[in-house]
Amino acid sequence: MKLLIILSIAEFSDEVRAMMTRNNVPVYSETEMYGFRTEKHKPDIRTWFSQGDQGIYSTLFFSFQDETTVKNILKEVGKYNEEYEGDRDNPLHAYQVAVEDFA
C-alpha cells in the first residue's frame, strides 16, 4: 500500500480531481492550504499577483492506493507538468510514500 500526496495551487485542483477519476481512485481526501514562498523577492510580471511576501491558495490531496495506481498517477502528473513547462510557475507536485504498517 502506498500513500499518494499531490500538491496543487487552487487553480489546478480540478485537473487533479480529473486525474483521480481517470485512474479509478474510489476515495481520496483534499484540504485547502495557504502557502508562502521564503526566497528573496524577485519581481516578475508573470506572477505580479502572487509575489513572495503574499500567500498562495493551494490544495493538498492524499489517498492510500495500490502501487500500480500511484505509479500511473505519478506518470500522469509528470506528463501534465511537461506539457505546461514554462507556462506555469507552480507545477503540480506528487509524491509516493511507502506505508510500512497499519492497523
C-alpha atoms as a PDB file:
ATOM      1  CA  MET A   1       0.000   0.000   0.000  1.00  0.00           C
ATOM      2  CA  LYS A   2       1.216   3.487  -0.865  1.00  0.00           C
ATOM      3  CA  LEU A   3       0.263   6.959   0.266  1.00  0.00           C
ATOM      4  CA  LEU A   4      -0.228   9.299  -2.685  1.00  0.00           C
ATOM      5  CA  ILE A   5       0.239  13.007  -1.980  1.00  0.00           C
ATOM      6  CA  ILE A   6      -0.411  15.705  -4.582  1.00  0.00           C
ATOM      7  CA  LEU A   7       0.073  19.433  -4.045  1.00  0.00           C
ATOM      8  CA  SER A   8      -1.614  21.864  -6.404  1.00  0.00           C
ATOM      9  CA  ILE A   9      -2.360  25.550  -6.431  1.00  0.00           C
ATOM     10  CA  ALA A  10      -6.106  26.122  -6.217  1.00  0.00           C
ATOM     11  CA  GLU A  11      -6.448  26.957  -9.919  1.00  0.00           C
ATOM     12  CA  PHE A  12      -5.352  23.441 -10.938  1.00  0.00           C
ATOM     13  CA  SER A  13      -7.362  21.455  -8.380  1.00  0.00           C
ATOM     14  CA  ASP A  14      -9.935  20.381 -10.970  1.00  0.00           C
ATOM     15  CA  GLU A  15      -7.168  18.817 -13.083  1.00  0.00           C
ATOM     16  CA  VAL A  16      -6.056  16.745 -10.078  1.00  0.00           C
ATOM     17  CA  ARG A  17      -9.639  15.658  -9.383  1.00  0.00           C
ATOM     18  CA  ALA A  18      -9.941  14.562 -13.015  1.00  0.00           C
ATOM     19  CA  MET A  19      -6.706  12.543 -12.698  1.00  0.00           C
ATOM     20  CA  MET A  20      -8.119  10.756  -9.670  1.00  0.00           C
ATOM     21  CA  THR A  21     -11.289   9.909 -11.606  1.00  0.00           C
ATOM     22  CA  ARG A  22      -9.397   8.749 -14.726  1.00  0.00           C
ATOM     23  CA  ASN A  23      -7.269   6.455 -12.572  1.00  0.00           C
ATOM     24  CA  ASN A  24     -10.277   4.940 -10.777  1.00  0.00           C
ATOM     25  CA  VAL A  25      -9.340   6.226  -7.324  1.00  0.00           C
ATOM     26  CA  PRO A  26     -12.507   5.460  -5.348  1.00  0.00           C
ATOM     27  CA  VAL A  27     -11.692   7.566  -2.274  1.00  0.00           C
ATOM     28  CA  TYR A  28      -9.341  10.475  -1.675  1.00  0.00           C
ATOM     29  CA  SER A  29      -9.185  13.448   0.628  1.00  0.00           C
ATOM     30  CA  GLU A  30      -8.325  17.046  -0.005  1.00  0.00           C
ATOM     31  CA  THR A  31      -7.733  20.065   2.156  1.00  0.00           C
ATOM     32  CA  GLU A  32      -7.171  23.724   1.371  1.00  0.00           C
ATOM     33  CA  MET A  33      -3.891  25.352   2.382  1.00  0.00           C
ATOM     34  CA  TYR A  34      -2.300  28.766   2.182  1.00  0.00           C
ATOM     35  CA  GLY A  35       1.363  28.561   1.158  1.00  0.00           C
ATOM     36  CA  PHE A  36       4.187  31.077   1.308  1.00  0.00           C
ATOM     37  CA  ARG A  37       7.498  31.419  -0.503  1.00  0.00           C
ATOM     38  CA  THR A  38      10.501  32.366   1.590  1.00  0.00           C
ATOM     39  CA  GLU A  39      13.102  33.096  -1.087  1.00  0.00           C
ATOM     40  CA  LYS A  40      14.164  36.673  -1.676  1.00  0.00           C
ATOM     41  CA  HIS A  41      11.580  38.636  -3.636  1.00  0.00           C
ATOM     42  CA  LYS A  42      12.387  38.866  -7.366  1.00  0.00           C
ATOM     43  CA  PRO A  43       9.814  40.880  -9.340  1.00  0.00           C
ATOM     44  CA  ASP A  44       8.355  39.006 -12.280  1.00  0.00           C
ATOM     45  CA  ILE A  45       5.464  40.450 -14.267  1.00  0.00           C
ATOM     46  CA  ARG A  46       4.101  36.921 -14.945  1.00  0.00           C
ATOM     47  CA  THR A  47       3.353  36.471 -11.257  1.00  0.00           C
ATOM     48  CA  TRP A  48       2.660  40.005 -10.112  1.00  0.00           C
ATOM     49  CA  PHE A  49      -0.403  38.854  -8.145  1.00  0.00           C
ATOM     50  CA  SER A  50       1.431  36.247  -6.048  1.00  0.00           C
ATOM     51  CA  GLN A  51       4.828  37.591  -5.086  1.00  0.00           C
ATOM     52  CA  GLY A  52       6.976  36.047  -2.369  1.00  0.00           C
ATOM     53  CA  ASP A  53       5.542  38.018   0.526  1.00  0.00           C
ATOM     54  CA  GLN A  54       1.956  37.029  -0.279  1.00  0.00           C
ATOM     55  CA  GLY A  55       0.392  33.626   0.184  1.00  0.00           C
ATOM     56  CA  ILE A  56      -0.870  31.280  -2.488  1.00  0.00           C
ATOM     57  CA  TYR A  57      -4.072  29.263  -2.124  1.00  0.00           C
ATOM     58  CA  SER A  58      -3.259  25.585  -2.580  1.00  0.00           C
ATOM     59  CA  THR A  59      -4.868  22.175  -2.233  1.00  0.00           C
ATOM     60  CA  LEU A  60      -3.350  19.051  -0.699  1.00  0.00           C
ATOM     61  CA  PHE A  61      -4.758  15.751  -1.993  1.00  0.00           C
ATOM     62  CA  PHE A  62      -3.992  12.386  -0.442  1.00  0.00           C
ATOM     63  CA  SER A  63      -5.119   8.806  -0.822  1.00  0.00           C
ATOM     64  CA  PHE A  64      -3.981   5.307   0.124  1.00  0.00           C
ATOM     65  CA  GLN A  65      -3.757   3.219  -3.044  1.00  0.00           C
ATOM     66  CA  ASP A  66      -2.010   0.230  -4.552  1.00  0.00           C
ATOM     67  CA  GLU A  67       1.407   0.787  -6.111  1.00  0.00           C
ATOM     68  CA  THR A  68       0.177   0.468  -9.705  1.00  0.00           C
ATOM     69  CA  THR A  69      -2.427   3.216  -9.296  1.00  0.00           C
ATOM     70  CA  VAL A  70       0.062   5.542  -7.622  1.00  0.00           C
ATOM     71  CA  LYS A  71       2.685   4.978 -10.317  1.00  0.00           C
ATOM     72  CA  ASN A  72       0.104   5.694 -13.042  1.00  0.00           C
ATOM     73  CA  ILE A  73      -0.882   8.963 -11.389  1.00  0.00           C
ATOM     74  CA  LEU A  74       2.756   9.989 -10.878  1.00  0.00           C
ATOM     75  CA  LYS A  75       3.360   9.412 -14.598  1.00  0.00           C
ATOM     76  CA  GLU A  76       0.283  11.447 -15.478  1.00  0.00           C
ATOM     77  CA  VAL A  77       1.388  14.314 -13.217  1.00  0.00           C
ATOM     78  CA  GLY A  78       4.850  14.234 -14.832  1.00  0.00           C
ATOM     79  CA  LYS A  79       3.355  14.349 -18.327  1.00  0.00           C
ATOM     80  CA  TYR A  80       0.958  17.126 -17.308  1.00  0.00           C
ATOM     81  CA  ASN A  81       3.826  19.237 -15.953  1.00  0.00           C
ATOM     82  CA  GLU A  82       5.928  18.667 -19.087  1.00  0.00           C
ATOM     83  CA  GLU A  83       3.091  19.916 -21.305  1.00  0.00           C
ATOM     84  CA  TYR A  84       2.894  23.177 -19.368  1.00  0.00           C
ATOM     85  CA  GLU A  85       6.597  23.635 -18.581  1.00  0.00           C
ATOM     86  CA  GLY A  86       7.474  27.307 -18.815  1.00  0.00           C
ATOM     87  CA  ASP A  87       3.824  28.344 -18.828  1.00  0.00           C
ATOM     88  CA  ARG A  88       3.318  27.846 -15.103  1.00  0.00           C
ATOM     89  CA  ASP A  89       5.293  28.935 -12.090  1.00  0.00           C
ATOM     90  CA  ASN A  90       3.515  26.431  -9.845  1.00  0.00           C
ATOM     91  CA  PRO A  91       3.561  22.904 -11.301  1.00  0.00           C
ATOM     92  CA  LEU A  92       1.791  20.003  -9.635  1.00  0.00           C
ATOM     93  CA  HIS A  93       3.889  18.127  -7.079  1.00  0.00           C
ATOM     94  CA  ALA A  94       3.196  14.441  -6.451  1.00  0.00           C
ATOM     95  CA  TYR A  95       4.777  12.018  -4.002  1.00  0.00           C
ATOM     96  CA  GLN A  96       4.612   8.328  -3.217  1.00  0.00           C
ATOM     97  CA  VAL A  97       5.209   7.276   0.389  1.00  0.00           C
ATOM     98  CA  ALA A  98       5.536   3.626   1.374  1.00  0.00           C
ATOM     99  CA  VAL A  99       3.175   2.511   4.131  1.00  0.00           C
ATOM    100  CA  GLU A 100       5.168   0.086   6.289  1.00  0.00           C
ATOM    101  CA  ASP A 101       2.371  -0.988   8.607  1.00  0.00           C
ATOM    102  CA  PHE A 102      -1.184  -0.061   9.548  1.00  0.00           C
ATOM    103  CA  ALA A 103      -3.944  -1.157  11.906  1.00  0.00           C
END
